[in-house]
Amino acid sequence: MKFSKDKPQFEILGYHVDYYDVENNKAKYIGSIKLDQPDRPVMGFEGRRIDDVTELLELRTSNGKIQKIINKKVMTECSPICGRTLDIKIEI
């Protein structure tokens, strides 16, 4: 059974960018932000990149609190937020 690549298998509700602190050579999760449109063409692990945060950035942590970061070296990863399953065409 093969799936068609004409459209995604899930409804895309938005995107979120995870931020990891990489200053001590460890990738520690520090928070995320939600986006309406992706900020890069490649999603997930393969789309990771190292950025320098030079202006104040407010992130939502895993327990729902807001964390503010500035002047920090971070690794970012963008992922889609998926909703319900869409109709899937099956090629025979």
N, C-alpha and C. Protein backbone atom coordinates (compact mmCIF):
# COMPACT_ATOMS: atom_id res chain seq x y z
N MET A 1 0.84 -1.17 0.00
CA MET A 1 0.00 0.00 0.00
C MET A 1 0.89 1.24 0.00
N LYS A 2 0.67 2.16 -0.94
CA LYS A 2 1.42 3.40 -1.02
C LYS A 2 0.47 4.56 -0.82
N PHE A 3 0.97 5.61 -0.15
CA PHE A 3 0.17 6.79 0.08
C PHE A 3 0.54 7.87 -0.92
N SER A 4 -0.44 8.62 -1.33
CA SER A 4 -0.21 9.72 -2.26
C SER A 4 0.49 10.87 -1.57
N LYS A 5 1.37 11.53 -2.27
CA LYS A 5 2.08 12.68 -1.73
C LYS A 5 1.41 13.99 -2.15
N ASP A 6 0.16 13.91 -2.68
CA ASP A 6 -0.53 15.10 -3.17
C ASP A 6 -0.84 16.10 -2.06
N LYS A 7 -1.20 15.62 -0.87
CA LYS A 7 -1.49 16.51 0.25
C LYS A 7 -1.08 15.83 1.55
N PRO A 8 -0.92 16.59 2.63
CA PRO A 8 -0.48 15.99 3.90
C PRO A 8 -1.53 15.05 4.46
N GLN A 9 -1.08 14.13 5.30
CA GLN A 9 -1.97 13.15 5.90
C GLN A 9 -2.73 13.72 7.09
N PHE A 10 -2.24 14.85 7.65
CA PHE A 10 -2.88 15.47 8.80
C PHE A 10 -3.12 16.95 8.53
N GLU A 11 -4.13 17.48 9.18
CA GLU A 11 -4.43 18.90 9.10
C GLU A 11 -3.34 19.67 9.87
N ILE A 12 -2.76 20.70 9.28
CA ILE A 12 -1.72 21.49 9.93
C ILE A 12 -2.38 22.67 10.65
N LEU A 13 -2.27 22.72 11.97
CA LEU A 13 -2.89 23.77 12.78
C LEU A 13 -1.94 24.94 13.03
N GLY A 14 -0.66 24.74 12.84
CA GLY A 14 0.33 25.77 13.07
C GLY A 14 1.70 25.12 13.19
N TYR A 15 2.64 25.87 13.70
CA TYR A 15 4.01 25.38 13.86
C TYR A 15 4.55 25.85 15.20
N HIS A 16 5.49 25.12 15.76
CA HIS A 16 6.16 25.60 16.96
C HIS A 16 7.66 25.42 16.81
N VAL A 17 8.38 26.39 17.37
CA VAL A 17 9.85 26.37 17.33
C VAL A 17 10.33 26.10 18.74
N ASP A 18 11.06 25.00 18.91
CA ASP A 18 11.65 24.66 20.20
C ASP A 18 13.02 25.30 20.31
N TYR A 19 13.35 25.80 21.49
CA TYR A 19 14.64 26.43 21.75
C TYR A 19 15.41 25.60 22.77
N TYR A 20 16.69 25.33 22.45
CA TYR A 20 17.57 24.56 23.32
C TYR A 20 18.80 25.40 23.64
N ASP A 21 19.21 25.41 24.91
CA ASP A 21 20.42 26.10 25.33
C ASP A 21 21.62 25.23 24.98
N VAL A 22 22.57 25.76 24.21
CA VAL A 22 23.74 24.97 23.80
C VAL A 22 25.05 25.60 24.27
N GLU A 23 24.98 26.47 25.26
CA GLU A 23 26.19 27.15 25.72
C GLU A 23 27.17 26.23 26.42
N ASN A 24 26.72 25.18 27.07
CA ASN A 24 27.61 24.26 27.79
C ASN A 24 27.79 22.94 27.05
N ASN A 25 27.67 22.97 25.72
CA ASN A 25 27.80 21.77 24.86
C ASN A 25 26.76 20.71 25.19
N LYS A 26 25.66 21.10 25.80
CA LYS A 26 24.53 20.21 26.04
C LYS A 26 23.29 20.90 25.49
N ALA A 27 22.41 20.14 24.89
CA ALA A 27 21.18 20.71 24.35
C ALA A 27 20.07 20.57 25.40
N LYS A 28 19.88 21.62 26.21
CA LYS A 28 18.86 21.62 27.25
C LYS A 28 17.65 22.43 26.77
N TYR A 29 16.47 21.83 26.81
CA TYR A 29 15.24 22.50 26.38
C TYR A 29 14.94 23.68 27.30
N ILE A 30 14.68 24.85 26.70
CA ILE A 30 14.35 26.02 27.51
C ILE A 30 12.97 26.60 27.20
N GLY A 31 12.35 26.21 26.08
CA GLY A 31 11.01 26.70 25.79
C GLY A 31 10.70 26.67 24.31
N SER A 32 9.49 27.18 23.97
CA SER A 32 9.07 27.19 22.57
C SER A 32 8.17 28.38 22.30
N ILE A 33 8.00 28.70 21.02
CA ILE A 33 7.04 29.70 20.59
C ILE A 33 6.17 29.09 19.48
N LYS A 34 4.95 29.58 19.34
CA LYS A 34 4.03 29.09 18.32
C LYS A 34 4.00 30.07 17.15
N LEU A 35 3.99 29.52 15.93
CA LEU A 35 3.97 30.33 14.71
C LEU A 35 2.80 29.91 13.83
N ASP A 36 2.31 30.83 13.01
CA ASP A 36 1.27 30.50 12.03
C ASP A 36 1.88 29.92 10.76
N GLN A 37 3.07 30.40 10.40
CA GLN A 37 3.79 29.93 9.20
C GLN A 37 5.17 29.46 9.62
N PRO A 38 5.73 28.45 8.93
CA PRO A 38 7.07 27.98 9.30
C PRO A 38 8.13 29.04 8.99
N ASP A 39 9.20 29.03 9.77
CA ASP A 39 10.28 29.99 9.56
C ASP A 39 11.45 29.40 8.79
N ARG A 40 11.30 28.16 8.31
CA ARG A 40 12.36 27.49 7.54
C ARG A 40 11.75 26.44 6.63
N PRO A 41 12.43 26.07 5.56
CA PRO A 41 11.86 25.08 4.63
C PRO A 41 11.95 23.64 5.12
N VAL A 42 12.94 23.32 5.96
CA VAL A 42 13.13 21.94 6.43
C VAL A 42 12.67 21.84 7.88
N MET A 43 11.78 20.88 8.17
CA MET A 43 11.21 20.71 9.51
C MET A 43 11.96 19.64 10.30
N GLY A 44 11.75 19.64 11.59
CA GLY A 44 12.24 18.58 12.47
C GLY A 44 13.74 18.61 12.70
N PHE A 45 14.28 17.43 13.03
CA PHE A 45 15.69 17.28 13.40
C PHE A 45 16.63 17.77 12.30
N GLU A 46 16.29 17.48 11.05
CA GLU A 46 17.15 17.88 9.93
C GLU A 46 17.17 19.40 9.73
N GLY A 47 16.17 20.10 10.23
CA GLY A 47 16.09 21.54 10.08
C GLY A 47 16.67 22.31 11.26
N ARG A 48 17.34 21.63 12.18
CA ARG A 48 17.93 22.31 13.34
C ARG A 48 19.00 23.29 12.90
N ARG A 49 19.09 24.41 13.65
CA ARG A 49 20.15 25.37 13.38
C ARG A 49 20.53 26.11 14.67
N ILE A 50 21.73 26.63 14.67
CA ILE A 50 22.25 27.38 15.82
C ILE A 50 22.03 28.87 15.55
N ASP A 51 21.43 29.57 16.51
CA ASP A 51 21.15 30.99 16.40
C ASP A 51 21.65 31.71 17.64
N ASP A 52 21.92 32.99 17.49
CA ASP A 52 22.24 33.85 18.62
C ASP A 52 21.03 34.74 18.89
N VAL A 53 20.50 34.69 20.10
CA VAL A 53 19.37 35.54 20.49
C VAL A 53 19.95 36.86 20.97
N THR A 54 19.71 37.93 20.22
CA THR A 54 20.28 39.23 20.57
C THR A 54 19.24 40.18 21.14
N GLU A 55 17.95 39.89 20.94
CA GLU A 55 16.91 40.74 21.51
C GLU A 55 16.04 39.89 22.43
N LEU A 56 15.27 40.53 23.28
CA LEU A 56 14.45 39.85 24.28
C LEU A 56 13.45 38.92 23.60
N LEU A 57 13.40 37.68 24.05
CA LEU A 57 12.52 36.66 23.49
C LEU A 57 11.78 35.98 24.63
N GLU A 58 10.44 35.90 24.54
CA GLU A 58 9.65 35.26 25.57
C GLU A 58 9.22 33.88 25.09
N LEU A 59 9.63 32.85 25.82
CA LEU A 59 9.33 31.47 25.47
C LEU A 59 8.37 30.87 26.48
N ARG A 60 7.53 29.94 26.02
CA ARG A 60 6.66 29.20 26.92
C ARG A 60 7.37 27.89 27.27
N THR A 61 7.53 27.63 28.56
CA THR A 61 8.23 26.42 29.00
C THR A 61 7.27 25.24 29.04
N SER A 62 7.79 24.05 29.34
CA SER A 62 6.97 22.84 29.34
C SER A 62 5.91 22.85 30.45
N ASN A 63 6.11 23.63 31.51
CA ASN A 63 5.09 23.70 32.57
C ASN A 63 4.17 24.91 32.41
N GLY A 64 4.24 25.62 31.29
CA GLY A 64 3.33 26.70 30.98
C GLY A 64 3.79 28.08 31.40
N LYS A 65 4.92 28.18 32.06
CA LYS A 65 5.43 29.48 32.49
C LYS A 65 6.13 30.18 31.33
N ILE A 66 6.30 31.48 31.46
CA ILE A 66 6.99 32.28 30.44
C ILE A 66 8.43 32.49 30.91
N GLN A 67 9.39 32.20 30.02
CA GLN A 67 10.80 32.44 30.31
C GLN A 67 11.33 33.44 29.31
N LYS A 68 12.05 34.44 29.80
CA LYS A 68 12.63 35.48 28.95
C LYS A 68 14.12 35.19 28.78
N ILE A 69 14.59 35.24 27.53
CA ILE A 69 16.02 35.04 27.27
C ILE A 69 16.53 36.17 26.39
N ILE A 70 17.81 36.47 26.55
CA ILE A 70 18.48 37.48 25.74
C ILE A 70 19.98 37.20 25.78
N ASN A 71 20.67 37.53 24.68
CA ASN A 71 22.13 37.33 24.57
C ASN A 71 22.53 35.89 24.91
N LYS A 72 21.95 34.95 24.21
CA LYS A 72 22.23 33.54 24.46
C LYS A 72 22.38 32.80 23.14
N LYS A 73 23.22 31.79 23.12
CA LYS A 73 23.38 30.93 21.94
C LYS A 73 22.42 29.76 22.09
N VAL A 74 21.54 29.58 21.10
CA VAL A 74 20.51 28.55 21.18
C VAL A 74 20.47 27.72 19.90
N MET A 75 19.93 26.51 20.03
CA MET A 75 19.64 25.67 18.88
C MET A 75 18.12 25.66 18.73
N THR A 76 17.63 25.82 17.50
CA THR A 76 16.19 25.87 17.26
C THR A 76 15.77 24.73 16.34
N GLU A 77 14.53 24.28 16.53
CA GLU A 77 13.96 23.21 15.72
C GLU A 77 12.48 23.51 15.50
N CYS A 78 12.04 23.57 14.25
CA CYS A 78 10.66 23.88 13.90
C CYS A 78 9.91 22.59 13.57
N SER A 79 8.70 22.44 14.15
CA SER A 79 7.88 21.25 13.91
C SER A 79 6.44 21.67 13.66
N PRO A 80 5.71 20.92 12.82
CA PRO A 80 4.30 21.24 12.60
C PRO A 80 3.43 20.77 13.77
N ILE A 81 2.33 21.49 14.01
CA ILE A 81 1.33 21.06 14.98
C ILE A 81 0.21 20.44 14.17
N CYS A 82 0.00 19.15 14.32
CA CYS A 82 -0.95 18.41 13.48
C CYS A 82 -2.30 18.26 14.17
N GLY A 83 -3.34 18.27 13.38
CA GLY A 83 -4.70 18.08 13.87
C GLY A 83 -5.25 16.74 13.42
N ARG A 84 -6.48 16.74 12.98
CA ARG A 84 -7.15 15.49 12.60
C ARG A 84 -6.60 14.92 11.29
N THR A 85 -6.86 13.66 11.05
CA THR A 85 -6.43 12.98 9.84
C THR A 85 -7.27 13.45 8.65
N LEU A 86 -6.61 13.67 7.53
CA LEU A 86 -7.30 14.06 6.30
C LEU A 86 -7.59 12.83 5.47
N ASP A 87 -8.43 12.97 4.45
CA ASP A 87 -8.68 11.86 3.53
C ASP A 87 -7.39 11.51 2.81
N ILE A 88 -7.08 10.23 2.73
CA ILE A 88 -5.84 9.77 2.10
C ILE A 88 -6.18 9.01 0.83
N LYS A 89 -5.53 9.39 -0.28
CA LYS A 89 -5.69 8.66 -1.53
C LYS A 89 -4.74 7.48 -1.51
N ILE A 90 -5.22 6.33 -1.94
CA ILE A 90 -4.37 5.13 -1.95
C ILE A 90 -4.09 4.74 -3.39
N GLU A 91 -2.79 4.58 -3.72
CA GLU A 91 -2.39 4.11 -5.05
C GLU A 91 -2.29 2.60 -4.99
N ILE A 92 -2.82 1.94 -6.02
CA ILE A 92 -2.76 0.48 -6.06
C ILE A 92 -1.76 0.06 -7.11
